[in-house]
Protein backbone atom coordinates (compact mmCIF):
# COMPACT_ATOMS: atom_id res chain seq x y z
CA UNK A 1 0.00 0.00 0.00
CA UNK A 2 1.20 3.45 -0.81
CA UNK A 3 1.30 5.72 2.19
CA UNK A 4 -0.22 9.14 1.92
CA UNK A 5 1.19 11.88 4.09
CA UNK A 6 -1.10 14.63 5.23
CA UNK A 7 1.74 17.04 5.97
CA UNK A 8 4.87 17.88 4.09
CA UNK A 9 6.98 18.32 7.25
CA UNK A 10 6.59 14.64 8.26
CA UNK A 11 5.62 15.32 11.87
CA UNK A 12 3.88 12.60 13.81
CA UNK A 13 0.23 12.88 12.78
CA UNK A 14 -2.28 14.15 15.29
CA UNK A 15 -5.52 12.34 16.09
CA UNK A 16 -7.51 14.04 13.32
CA UNK A 17 -4.81 13.28 10.79
CA UNK A 18 -4.72 9.66 11.94
CA UNK A 19 -8.48 9.49 11.41
CA UNK A 20 -8.16 11.03 7.95
CA UNK A 21 -5.46 8.50 7.02
CA UNK A 22 -7.61 5.66 8.35
CA UNK A 23 -10.53 6.77 6.16
CA UNK A 24 -8.28 6.85 3.08
CA UNK A 25 -6.66 3.51 3.88
CA UNK A 26 -10.07 1.90 4.40
CA UNK A 27 -11.30 3.24 1.06
CA UNK A 28 -8.22 1.76 -0.67
CA UNK A 29 -8.66 -1.58 1.14
CA UNK A 30 -12.36 -1.68 0.23
CA UNK A 31 -11.56 -0.90 -3.41
CA UNK A 32 -8.98 -3.72 -3.52
CA UNK A 33 -11.34 -6.17 -1.86
CA UNK A 34 -14.23 -5.35 -4.18
CA UNK A 35 -12.00 -5.60 -7.24
CA UNK A 36 -10.84 -9.07 -6.26
CA UNK A 37 -14.36 -10.19 -5.43
CA UNK A 38 -15.66 -8.96 -8.79
CA UNK A 39 -13.08 -11.13 -10.54
CA UNK A 40 -14.31 -14.18 -8.58
CA UNK A 41 -18.04 -13.45 -8.66
CA UNK A 42 -20.29 -15.68 -10.70
CA UNK A 43 -23.43 -13.62 -10.25
CA UNK A 44 -24.09 -10.73 -12.65
CA UNK A 45 -26.30 -9.01 -10.08
CA UNK A 46 -23.63 -9.23 -7.38
CA UNK A 47 -20.95 -8.07 -9.82
CA UNK A 48 -23.01 -4.99 -10.75
CA UNK A 49 -23.55 -4.16 -7.07
CA UNK A 50 -19.82 -4.39 -6.36
CA UNK A 51 -18.99 -2.31 -9.45
CA UNK A 52 -21.36 0.36 -8.13
CA UNK A 53 -19.54 0.35 -4.80
CA UNK A 54 -16.20 0.66 -6.60
CA UNK A 55 -17.53 3.66 -8.56
CA UNK A 56 -18.57 5.26 -5.30
CA UNK A 57 -15.07 4.76 -3.89
CA UNK A 58 -13.60 6.14 -7.13
CA UNK A 59 -15.69 9.27 -6.71
CA UNK A 60 -14.30 9.63 -3.18
CA UNK A 61 -10.70 9.55 -4.45
CA UNK A 62 -11.55 12.21 -7.04
CA UNK A 63 -13.46 14.43 -4.61
CA UNK A 64 -12.71 17.57 -2.67
CA UNK A 65 -13.29 15.53 0.48
CA UNK A 66 -10.30 13.32 -0.41
CA UNK A 67 -8.20 16.43 -1.08
CA UNK A 68 -9.15 17.84 2.30
CA UNK A 69 -8.39 14.60 4.14
CA UNK A 70 -5.12 13.87 2.36
CA UNK A 71 -3.84 17.38 1.76
CA UNK A 72 -3.22 16.29 -1.82
CA UNK A 73 -5.00 16.13 -5.14
CA UNK A 74 -3.42 12.91 -6.42
CA UNK A 75 -6.54 10.76 -6.04
CA UNK A 76 -6.52 9.91 -9.76
CA UNK A 77 -2.97 8.58 -9.48
CA UNK A 78 -3.94 6.49 -6.46
CA UNK A 79 -6.88 5.03 -8.38
CA UNK A 80 -4.61 4.20 -11.29
CA UNK A 81 -2.20 2.36 -8.98
CA UNK A 82 -5.06 0.52 -7.28
CA UNK A 83 -6.43 -0.59 -10.65
CA UNK A 84 -3.00 -1.89 -11.70
CA UNK A 85 -2.67 -3.69 -8.40
CA UNK A 86 -6.11 -5.31 -8.56
CA UNK A 87 -6.65 -5.84 -12.28
CA UNK A 88 -3.09 -5.90 -13.63
CA UNK A 89 -1.87 -3.90 -16.60
CA UNK A 90 -5.01 -4.47 -18.70
């Protein structure tokens, strides 16, 4: 997993920063998990549901909320790396 730093000066994160990092890490973990489950799913209905959840997580990484939590606007790059990790270089 790629670590995201909320501050450029690399201080120990405070409690709010830890919470922000936990939210971002959980979104990345959920995205990975859903991507792997989609690959293994046999049900079209279940696959569509999981794809919808992945789209929701994608919107989070591209949102102002992500920028506020991470202090960065590289959500698109993170999504690209997650896709490569989960789906390969397709």
